[in-house]
PDB file of N, CA and C in Angstrom:
ATOM      1  N   UNK A   1     -58.984  11.428   6.125  1.00  0.00           N
ATOM      2  CA  UNK A   1     -57.933  10.694   6.710  1.00  0.00           C
ATOM      3  C   UNK A   1     -58.329   9.557   7.411  1.00  0.00           C
ATOM      4  N   UNK A   2     -59.247   9.924   8.182  1.00  0.00           N
ATOM      5  CA  UNK A   2     -59.691   8.654   9.087  1.00  0.00           C
ATOM      6  C   UNK A   2     -60.653   7.799   8.102  1.00  0.00           C
ATOM      7  N   UNK A   3     -61.409   8.128   7.108  1.00  0.00           N
ATOM      8  CA  UNK A   3     -62.042   7.228   6.398  1.00  0.00           C
ATOM      9  C   UNK A   3     -61.241   6.443   5.631  1.00  0.00           C
ATOM     10  N   UNK A   4     -60.091   6.937   5.181  1.00  0.00           N
ATOM     11  CA  UNK A   4     -58.994   6.139   4.326  1.00  0.00           C
ATOM     12  C   UNK A   4     -58.547   4.972   5.293  1.00  0.00           C
ATOM     13  N   UNK A   5     -58.135   5.366   6.624  1.00  0.00           N
ATOM     14  CA  UNK A   5     -57.672   4.250   7.387  1.00  0.00           C
ATOM     15  C   UNK A   5     -58.703   3.241   7.629  1.00  0.00           C
ATOM     16  N   UNK A   6     -59.783   3.583   7.737  1.00  0.00           N
ATOM     17  CA  UNK A   6     -60.889   2.761   8.051  1.00  0.00           C
ATOM     18  C   UNK A   6     -61.130   1.746   6.667  1.00  0.00           C
ATOM     19  N   UNK A   7     -61.088   2.335   5.592  1.00  0.00           N
ATOM     20  CA  UNK A   7     -61.182   1.544   4.344  1.00  0.00           C
ATOM     21  C   UNK A   7     -59.962   0.586   4.268  1.00  0.00           C
ATOM     22  N   UNK A   8     -58.580   0.891   4.580  1.00  0.00           N
ATOM     23  CA  UNK A   8     -57.413   0.071   4.522  1.00  0.00           C
ATOM     24  C   UNK A   8     -57.754  -0.930   5.450  1.00  0.00           C
ATOM     25  N   UNK A   9     -58.261  -0.707   6.804  1.00  0.00           N
ATOM     26  CA  UNK A   9     -58.449  -1.761   7.641  1.00  0.00           C
ATOM     27  C   UNK A   9     -59.515  -2.893   7.127  1.00  0.00           C
ATOM     28  N   UNK A  10     -60.551  -2.186   6.600  1.00  0.00           N
ATOM     29  CA  UNK A  10     -61.536  -3.112   6.185  1.00  0.00           C
ATOM     30  C   UNK A  10     -60.984  -3.872   5.127  1.00  0.00           C
ATOM     31  N   UNK A  11     -60.227  -3.519   4.141  1.00  0.00           N
ATOM     32  CA  UNK A  11     -59.611  -4.245   3.046  1.00  0.00           C
ATOM     33  C   UNK A  11     -58.735  -5.425   3.580  1.00  0.00           C
ATOM     34  N   UNK A  12     -58.093  -4.945   4.563  1.00  0.00           N
ATOM     35  CA  UNK A  12     -56.873  -5.971   5.145  1.00  0.00           C
ATOM     36  C   UNK A  12     -57.745  -7.025   5.770  1.00  0.00           C
ATOM     37  N   UNK A  13     -58.790  -6.666   6.420  1.00  0.00           N
ATOM     38  CA  UNK A  13     -59.644  -7.760   7.278  1.00  0.00           C
ATOM     39  C   UNK A  13     -60.228  -8.708   6.336  1.00  0.00           C
ATOM     40  N   UNK A  14     -60.730  -8.152   5.356  1.00  0.00           N
ATOM     41  CA  UNK A  14     -61.288  -9.112   4.145  1.00  0.00           C
ATOM     42  C   UNK A  14     -60.635  -9.748   3.547  1.00  0.00           C
ATOM     43  N   UNK A  15     -59.453  -9.288   3.192  1.00  0.00           N
ATOM     44  CA  UNK A  15     -58.136 -10.018   2.470  1.00  0.00           C
ATOM     45  C   UNK A  15     -57.764 -11.241   3.402  1.00  0.00           C
ATOM     46  N   UNK A  16     -57.532 -10.966   4.833  1.00  0.00           N
ATOM     47  CA  UNK A  16     -57.174 -11.839   5.738  1.00  0.00           C
ATOM     48  C   UNK A  16     -58.310 -13.066   5.724  1.00  0.00           C
ATOM     49  N   UNK A  17     -59.375 -12.669   5.817  1.00  0.00           N
ATOM     50  CA  UNK A  17     -60.682 -13.567   5.945  1.00  0.00           C
ATOM     51  C   UNK A  17     -60.679 -14.377   4.836  1.00  0.00           C
ATOM     52  N   UNK A  18     -60.268 -13.965   3.402  1.00  0.00           N
ATOM     53  CA  UNK A  18     -60.608 -14.631   2.213  1.00  0.00           C
ATOM     54  C   UNK A  18     -59.335 -15.796   2.378  1.00  0.00           C
ATOM     55  N   UNK A  19     -58.386 -15.278   2.660  1.00  0.00           N
ATOM     56  CA  UNK A  19     -57.173 -16.349   2.815  1.00  0.00           C
ATOM     57  C   UNK A  19     -57.296 -17.392   3.723  1.00  0.00           C
ATOM     58  N   UNK A  20     -57.883 -17.004   4.950  1.00  0.00           N
ATOM     59  CA  UNK A  20     -58.400 -17.882   5.976  1.00  0.00           C
ATOM     60  C   UNK A  20     -59.309 -18.913   5.253  1.00  0.00           C
ATOM     61  N   UNK A  21     -60.142 -18.596   4.813  1.00  0.00           N
ATOM     62  CA  UNK A  21     -61.244 -19.470   4.152  1.00  0.00           C
ATOM     63  C   UNK A  21     -60.726 -20.312   2.927  1.00  0.00           C
ATOM     64  N   UNK A  22     -59.736 -19.679   2.363  1.00  0.00           N
ATOM     65  CA  UNK A  22     -59.155 -20.514   1.080  1.00  0.00           C
ATOM     66  C   UNK A  22     -58.411 -21.701   1.576  1.00  0.00           C
ATOM     67  N   UNK A  23     -57.588 -21.247   2.586  1.00  0.00           N
ATOM     68  CA  UNK A  23     -56.633 -22.392   3.405  1.00  0.00           C
ATOM     69  C   UNK A  23     -57.415 -23.194   4.294  1.00  0.00           C
ATOM     70  N   UNK A  24     -58.535 -22.840   4.770  1.00  0.00           N
ATOM     71  CA  UNK A  24     -59.518 -23.871   5.379  1.00  0.00           C
ATOM     72  C   UNK A  24     -59.980 -24.779   4.453  1.00  0.00           C
ATOM     73  N   UNK A  25     -60.309 -24.500   3.262  1.00  0.00           N
ATOM     74  CA  UNK A  25     -60.939 -25.536   2.070  1.00  0.00           C
ATOM     75  C   UNK A  25     -59.756 -26.398   1.785  1.00  0.00           C
ATOM     76  N   UNK A  26     -58.558 -25.974   1.656  1.00  0.00           N
ATOM     77  CA  UNK A  26     -57.522 -26.882   1.205  1.00  0.00           C
ATOM     78  C   UNK A  26     -57.212 -28.036   2.249  1.00  0.00           C
ATOM     79  N   UNK A  27     -57.233 -27.594   3.717  1.00  0.00           N
ATOM     80  CA  UNK A  27     -56.870 -28.603   4.577  1.00  0.00           C
ATOM     81  C   UNK A  27     -57.834 -29.679   4.672  1.00  0.00           C
ATOM     82  N   UNK A  28     -58.877 -29.692   4.192  1.00  0.00           N
ATOM     83  CA  UNK A  28     -60.077 -30.679   4.386  1.00  0.00           C
ATOM     84  C   UNK A  28     -59.479 -31.761   3.275  1.00  0.00           C
ATOM     85  N   UNK A  29     -59.220 -31.205   2.229  1.00  0.00           N
ATOM     86  CA  UNK A  29     -58.698 -32.184   1.061  1.00  0.00           C
ATOM     87  C   UNK A  29     -57.280 -32.922   1.267  1.00  0.00           C
ATOM     88  N   UNK A  30     -56.342 -31.902   2.061  1.00  0.00           N
ATOM     89  CA  UNK A  30     -55.109 -32.497   2.374  1.00  0.00           C
ATOM     90  C   UNK A  30     -55.295 -33.618   3.577  1.00  0.00           C
ATOM     91  N   UNK A  31     -56.309 -33.514   4.460  1.00  0.00           N
ATOM     92  CA  UNK A  31     -56.596 -34.552   5.418  1.00  0.00           C
ATOM     93  C   UNK A  31     -56.986 -35.753   4.995  1.00  0.00           C
ATOM     94  N   UNK A  32     -57.576 -35.810   3.787  1.00  0.00           N
ATOM     95  CA  UNK A  32     -58.079 -36.813   3.345  1.00  0.00           C
ATOM     96  C   UNK A  32     -56.945 -37.819   2.439  1.00  0.00           C
ATOM     97  N   UNK A  33     -56.006 -37.203   2.169  1.00  0.00           N
ATOM     98  CA  UNK A  33     -54.799 -37.839   1.399  1.00  0.00           C
ATOM     99  C   UNK A  33     -53.867 -38.704   2.363  1.00  0.00           C
ATOM    100  N   UNK A  34     -53.610 -39.873   1.771  1.00  0.00           N
ATOM    101  CA  UNK A  34     -52.789 -40.879   2.712  1.00  0.00           C
ATOM    102  C   UNK A  34     -51.395 -40.986   2.026  1.00  0.00           C
ATOM    103  N   UNK A  35     -50.512 -41.514   2.822  1.00  0.00           N
ATOM    104  CA  UNK A  35     -49.165 -41.651   1.970  1.00  0.00           C
ATOM    105  C   UNK A  35     -49.207 -42.906   1.120  1.00  0.00           C
ATOM    106  N   UNK A  36     -48.101 -42.882   0.467  1.00  0.00           N
ATOM    107  CA  UNK A  36     -48.227 -44.169  -0.495  1.00  0.00           C
ATOM    108  C   UNK A  36     -48.169 -45.324  -0.003  1.00  0.00           C
ATOM    109  N   UNK A  37     -47.313 -45.330   1.291  1.00  0.00           N
ATOM    110  CA  UNK A  37     -46.954 -46.653   1.777  1.00  0.00           C
ATOM    111  C   UNK A  37     -48.069 -47.086   2.974  1.00  0.00           C
ATOM    112  N   UNK A  38     -49.119 -46.534   2.986  1.00  0.00           N
ATOM    113  CA  UNK A  38     -50.011 -46.655   3.966  1.00  0.00           C
ATOM    114  C   UNK A  38     -51.079 -47.819   3.471  1.00  0.00           C
ATOM    115  N   UNK A  39     -51.396 -48.581   4.591  1.00  0.00           N
ATOM    116  CA  UNK A  39     -52.398 -49.700   4.200  1.00  0.00           C
ATOM    117  C   UNK A  39     -53.807 -49.276   3.615  1.00  0.00           C
ATOM    118  N   UNK A  40     -54.295 -49.883   2.822  1.00  0.00           N
ATOM    119  CA  UNK A  40     -55.672 -49.502   2.493  1.00  0.00           C
ATOM    120  C   UNK A  40     -56.423 -49.865   3.436  1.00  0.00           C
ATOM    121  N   UNK A  41     -57.625 -48.982   3.658  1.00  0.00           N
ATOM    122  CA  UNK A  41     -58.647 -49.046   4.639  1.00  0.00           C
ATOM    123  C   UNK A  41     -59.555 -50.014   4.115  1.00  0.00           C
ATOM    124  N   UNK A  42     -60.316 -50.856   5.029  1.00  0.00           N
ATOM    125  CA  UNK A  42     -61.293 -51.962   4.465  1.00  0.00           C
ATOM    126  C   UNK A  42     -62.469 -50.953   3.953  1.00  0.00           C
ATOM    127  N   UNK A  43     -63.138 -51.328   2.981  1.00  0.00           N
ATOM    128  CA  UNK A  43     -64.497 -50.935   2.427  1.00  0.00           C
ATOM    129  C   UNK A  43     -65.530 -51.021   3.608  1.00  0.00           C
ATOM    130  N   UNK A  44     -65.591 -52.223   4.005  1.00  0.00           N
ATOM    131  CA  UNK A  44     -66.707 -52.398   5.149  1.00  0.00           C
ATOM    132  C   UNK A  44     -66.080 -52.471   6.508  1.00  0.00           C
ATOM    133  N   UNK A  45     -66.542 -51.961   7.377  1.00  0.00           N
ATOM    134  CA  UNK A  45     -65.902 -51.910   8.831  1.00  0.00           C
ATOM    135  C   UNK A  45     -65.939 -53.462   9.498  1.00  0.00           C
ATOM    136  N   UNK A  46     -64.911 -53.818   9.926  1.00  0.00           N
ATOM    137  CA  UNK A  46     -64.881 -55.421  10.377  1.00  0.00           C
ATOM    138  C   UNK A  46     -66.004 -55.569  11.428  1.00  0.00           C
ATOM    139  N   UNK A  47     -66.126 -56.752  12.100  1.00  0.00           N
ATOM    140  CA  UNK A  47     -66.999 -57.214  13.191  1.00  0.00           C
ATOM    141  C   UNK A  47     -65.966 -56.790  14.335  1.00  0.00           C
ATOM    142  N   UNK A  48     -66.827 -56.953  15.485  1.00  0.00           N
ATOM    143  CA  UNK A  48     -66.014 -56.576  16.950  1.00  0.00           C
ATOM    144  C   UNK A  48     -65.037 -57.633  17.199  1.00  0.00           C
ATOM    145  N   UNK A  49     -64.235 -57.450  18.088  1.00  0.00           N
ATOM    146  CA  UNK A  49     -63.189 -58.339  18.419  1.00  0.00           C
ATOM    147  C   UNK A  49     -63.839 -59.529  19.563  1.00  0.00           C
ATOM    148  N   UNK A  50     -63.575 -60.434  19.331  1.00  0.00           N
ATOM    149  CA  UNK A  50     -64.106 -61.721  20.356  1.00  0.00           C
ATOM    150  C   UNK A  50     -63.785 -61.530  21.833  1.00  0.00           C
ATOM    151  N   UNK A  51     -64.510 -60.747  22.562  1.00  0.00           N
ATOM    152  CA  UNK A  51     -64.157 -60.718  23.737  1.00  0.00           C
ATOM    153  C   UNK A  51     -64.806 -61.688  24.715  1.00  0.00           C
ATOM    154  N   UNK A  52     -65.296 -62.814  24.497  1.00  0.00           N
ATOM    155  CA  UNK A  52     -65.832 -63.938  25.030  1.00  0.00           C
ATOM    156  C   UNK A  52     -64.795 -65.184  24.567  1.00  0.00           C
ATOM    157  N   UNK A  53     -64.082 -65.003  23.753  1.00  0.00           N
ATOM    158  CA  UNK A  53     -63.023 -66.106  23.424  1.00  0.00           C
ATOM    159  C   UNK A  53     -61.996 -66.078  24.481  1.00  0.00           C
ATOM    160  N   UNK A  54     -61.646 -67.148  25.208  1.00  0.00           N
ATOM    161  CA  UNK A  54     -60.364 -67.208  26.274  1.00  0.00           C
ATOM    162  C   UNK A  54     -59.368 -67.961  25.670  1.00  0.00           C
ATOM    163  N   UNK A  55     -58.362 -67.690  26.289  1.00  0.00           N
ATOM    164  CA  UNK A  55     -56.952 -68.327  25.652  1.00  0.00           C
ATOM    165  C   UNK A  55     -56.976 -69.345  26.148  1.00  0.00           C
ATOM    166  N   UNK A  56     -56.392 -70.712  25.538  1.00  0.00           N
ATOM    167  CA  UNK A  56     -56.269 -71.795  26.030  1.00  0.00           C
ATOM    168  C   UNK A  56     -55.845 -72.064  27.571  1.00  0.00           C
ATOM    169  N   UNK A  57     -56.044 -73.163  28.139  1.00  0.00           N
ATOM    170  CA  UNK A  57     -55.481 -73.316  29.337  1.00  0.00           C
ATOM    171  C   UNK A  57     -53.802 -73.540  29.241  1.00  0.00           C
ATOM    172  N   UNK A  58     -53.109 -73.364  30.409  1.00  0.00           N
ATOM    173  CA  UNK A  58     -51.762 -73.355  30.415  1.00  0.00           C
ATOM    174  C   UNK A  58     -51.355 -74.957  30.688  1.00  0.00           C
ATOM    175  N   UNK A  59     -50.306 -75.340  29.842  1.00  0.00           N
ATOM    176  CA  UNK A  59     -49.835 -76.518  29.990  1.00  0.00           C
ATOM    177  C   UNK A  59     -48.927 -76.655  31.194  1.00  0.00           C
ATOM    178  N   UNK A  60     -48.256 -75.561  31.670  1.00  0.00           N
ATOM    179  CA  UNK A  60     -47.141 -75.482  32.839  1.00  0.00           C
ATOM    180  C   UNK A  60     -48.043 -75.357  34.254  1.00  0.00           C
ATOM    181  N   UNK A  61     -47.526 -75.902  35.053  1.00  0.00           N
ATOM    182  CA  UNK A  61     -48.038 -75.820  36.417  1.00  0.00           C
ATOM    183  C   UNK A  61     -47.696 -74.452  37.189  1.00  0.00           C
ATOM    184  N   UNK A  62     -48.465 -74.057  38.210  1.00  0.00           N
ATOM    185  CA  UNK A  62     -48.162 -72.977  38.885  1.00  0.00           C
ATOM    186  C   UNK A  62     -46.874 -72.967  39.686  1.00  0.00           C
ATOM    187  N   UNK A  63     -46.007 -71.867  40.018  1.00  0.00           N
ATOM    188  CA  UNK A  63     -45.010 -72.185  40.788  1.00  0.00           C
ATOM    189  C   UNK A  63     -45.364 -72.557  42.201  1.00  0.00           C
ATOM    190  N   UNK A  64     -44.336 -73.494  42.668  1.00  0.00           N
ATOM    191  CA  UNK A  64     -44.763 -73.999  43.974  1.00  0.00           C
ATOM    192  C   UNK A  64     -44.618 -73.050  45.157  1.00  0.00           C
ATOM    193  N   UNK A  65     -45.087 -73.319  46.220  1.00  0.00           N
ATOM    194  CA  UNK A  65     -44.938 -72.232  47.383  1.00  0.00           C
ATOM    195  C   UNK A  65     -43.593 -72.155  47.736  1.00  0.00           C
ATOM    196  N   UNK A  66     -42.642 -73.240  47.599  1.00  0.00           N
ATOM    197  CA  UNK A  66     -41.242 -73.303  47.991  1.00  0.00           C
ATOM    198  C   UNK A  66     -40.655 -72.346  46.921  1.00  0.00           C
ATOM    199  N   UNK A  67     -40.679 -72.441  45.882  1.00  0.00           N
ATOM    200  CA  UNK A  67     -40.018 -71.664  44.757  1.00  0.00           C
ATOM    201  C   UNK A  67     -40.451 -70.173  45.077  1.00  0.00           C
ATOM    202  N   UNK A  68     -41.613 -70.027  45.327  1.00  0.00           N
ATOM    203  CA  UNK A  68     -42.096 -68.491  45.373  1.00  0.00           C
ATOM    204  C   UNK A  68     -41.438 -67.833  46.513  1.00  0.00           C
ATOM    205  N   UNK A  69     -41.156 -68.682  47.707  1.00  0.00           N
ATOM    206  CA  UNK A  69     -40.524 -68.062  48.867  1.00  0.00           C
ATOM    207  C   UNK A  69     -39.277 -67.781  48.676  1.00  0.00           C
ATOM    208  N   UNK A  70     -38.614 -68.776  47.754  1.00  0.00           N
ATOM    209  CA  UNK A  70     -37.073 -68.564  47.408  1.00  0.00           C
ATOM    210  C   UNK A  70     -37.083 -67.238  46.504  1.00  0.00           C
ATOM    211  N   UNK A  71     -37.705 -67.112  45.548  1.00  0.00           N
ATOM    212  CA  UNK A  71     -37.595 -65.869  44.745  1.00  0.00           C
ATOM    213  C   UNK A  71     -38.002 -64.618  45.504  1.00  0.00           C
ATOM    214  N   UNK A  72     -39.029 -64.630  46.471  1.00  0.00           N
ATOM    215  CA  UNK A  72     -39.372 -63.529  47.233  1.00  0.00           C
ATOM    216  C   UNK A  72     -37.839 -63.014  48.138  1.00  0.00           C
ATOM    217  N   UNK A  73     -37.600 -64.025  48.602  1.00  0.00           N
ATOM    218  CA  UNK A  73     -36.310 -63.856  49.486  1.00  0.00           C
ATOM    219  C   UNK A  73     -35.082 -63.208  48.685  1.00  0.00           C
ATOM    220  N   UNK A  74     -34.862 -63.683  47.419  1.00  0.00           N
ATOM    221  CA  UNK A  74     -33.712 -63.398  46.730  1.00  0.00           C
ATOM    222  C   UNK A  74     -34.080 -61.851  46.466  1.00  0.00           C
ATOM    223  N   UNK A  75     -35.383 -61.460  45.970  1.00  0.00           N
ATOM    224  CA  UNK A  75     -35.729 -60.082  45.629  1.00  0.00           C
ATOM    225  C   UNK A  75     -35.548 -59.120  46.769  1.00  0.00           C
ATOM    226  N   UNK A  76     -36.118 -59.460  47.992  1.00  0.00           N
ATOM    227  CA  UNK A  76     -35.880 -58.880  49.087  1.00  0.00           C
ATOM    228  C   UNK A  76     -34.521 -58.497  49.574  1.00  0.00           C
ATOM    229  N   UNK A  77     -33.682 -59.537  49.264  1.00  0.00           N
ATOM    230  CA  UNK A  77     -32.126 -59.401  49.587  1.00  0.00           C
ATOM    231  C   UNK A  77     -31.538 -58.261  48.604  1.00  0.00           C
ATOM    232  N   UNK A  78     -31.960 -58.524  47.364  1.00  0.00           N
ATOM    233  CA  UNK A  78     -31.777 -57.438  46.381  1.00  0.00           C
ATOM    234  C   UNK A  78     -31.840 -55.954  46.635  1.00  0.00           C
ATOM    235  N   UNK A  79     -33.286 -56.073  47.065  1.00  0.00           N
ATOM    236  CA  UNK A  79     -33.827 -54.625  47.656  1.00  0.00           C
ATOM    237  C   UNK A  79     -32.768 -54.031  48.839  1.00  0.00           C
ATOM    238  N   UNK A  80     -32.638 -54.826  49.715  1.00  0.00           N
ATOM    239  CA  UNK A  80     -31.948 -54.281  50.718  1.00  0.00           C
ATOM    240  C   UNK A  80     -30.311 -53.803  50.375  1.00  0.00           C
ATOM    241  N   UNK A  81     -29.896 -54.702  49.654  1.00  0.00           N
ATOM    242  CA  UNK A  81     -28.566 -54.363  48.968  1.00  0.00           C
ATOM    243  C   UNK A  81     -28.440 -53.185  48.373  1.00  0.00           C
ATOM    244  N   UNK A  82     -29.534 -52.906  47.636  1.00  0.00           N
ATOM    245  CA  UNK A  82     -29.664 -51.667  46.932  1.00  0.00           C
ATOM    246  C   UNK A  82     -29.935 -50.358  47.680  1.00  0.00           C
ATOM    247  N   UNK A  83     -30.750 -50.754  48.636  1.00  0.00           N
ATOM    248  CA  UNK A  83     -30.906 -49.557  49.630  1.00  0.00           C
ATOM    249  C   UNK A  83     -29.656 -48.950  50.470  1.00  0.00           C
ATOM    250  N   UNK A  84     -28.863 -50.118  50.882  1.00  0.00           N
ATOM    251  CA  UNK A  84     -27.651 -49.702  51.539  1.00  0.00           C
ATOM    252  C   UNK A  84     -26.716 -49.143  50.605  1.00  0.00           C
ATOM    253  N   UNK A  85     -26.617 -49.749  49.295  1.00  0.00           N
ATOM    254  CA  UNK A  85     -25.676 -49.065  48.401  1.00  0.00           C
ATOM    255  C   UNK A  85     -26.100 -47.643  47.940  1.00  0.00           C
ATOM    256  N   UNK A  86     -27.562 -47.223  48.185  1.00  0.00           N
ATOM    257  CA  UNK A  86     -27.747 -45.759  47.944  1.00  0.00           C
ATOM    258  C   UNK A  86     -27.715 -44.991  49.132  1.00  0.00           C
ATOM    259  N   UNK A  87     -27.647 -45.497  50.123  1.00  0.00           N
ATOM    260  CA  UNK A  87     -27.284 -44.696  51.433  1.00  0.00           C
ATOM    261  C   UNK A  87     -25.853 -44.283  51.221  1.00  0.00           C
ATOM    262  N   UNK A  88     -25.046 -45.471  50.966  1.00  0.00           N
ATOM    263  CA  UNK A  88     -23.430 -45.176  50.961  1.00  0.00           C
ATOM    264  C   UNK A  88     -23.070 -44.158  50.005  1.00  0.00           C
ATOM    265  N   UNK A  89     -24.016 -43.955  48.557  1.00  0.00           N
ATOM    266  CA  UNK A  89     -23.394 -42.982  47.622  1.00  0.00           C
ATOM    267  C   UNK A  89     -23.763 -41.810  48.025  1.00  0.00           C
ATOM    268  N   UNK A  90     -24.705 -41.460  48.855  1.00  0.00           N
ATOM    269  CA  UNK A  90     -24.970 -39.872  49.171  1.00  0.00           C
ATOM    270  C   UNK A  90     -23.930 -39.485  50.205  1.00  0.00           C
TER     271      UNK A  90
END
């Protein structure tokens, strides 16, 4: 009786191992497949991105200190209003 169970376990393990190998072989082929609407990969790898090319200089001037101070004051006032409204809501 014991030998029969050992034989059944061995056969079951062998079958599971065979199935695992069979599915493992299929997965590598499935990984190479691409969808129909995918862009084709270039045959040769492209060159590196141009890291030393800088964008052109801006035509617009930097914000003046007066405008910057005005914007910062508006943002600070909005932050204070929201802080008060948050305390009132609790």
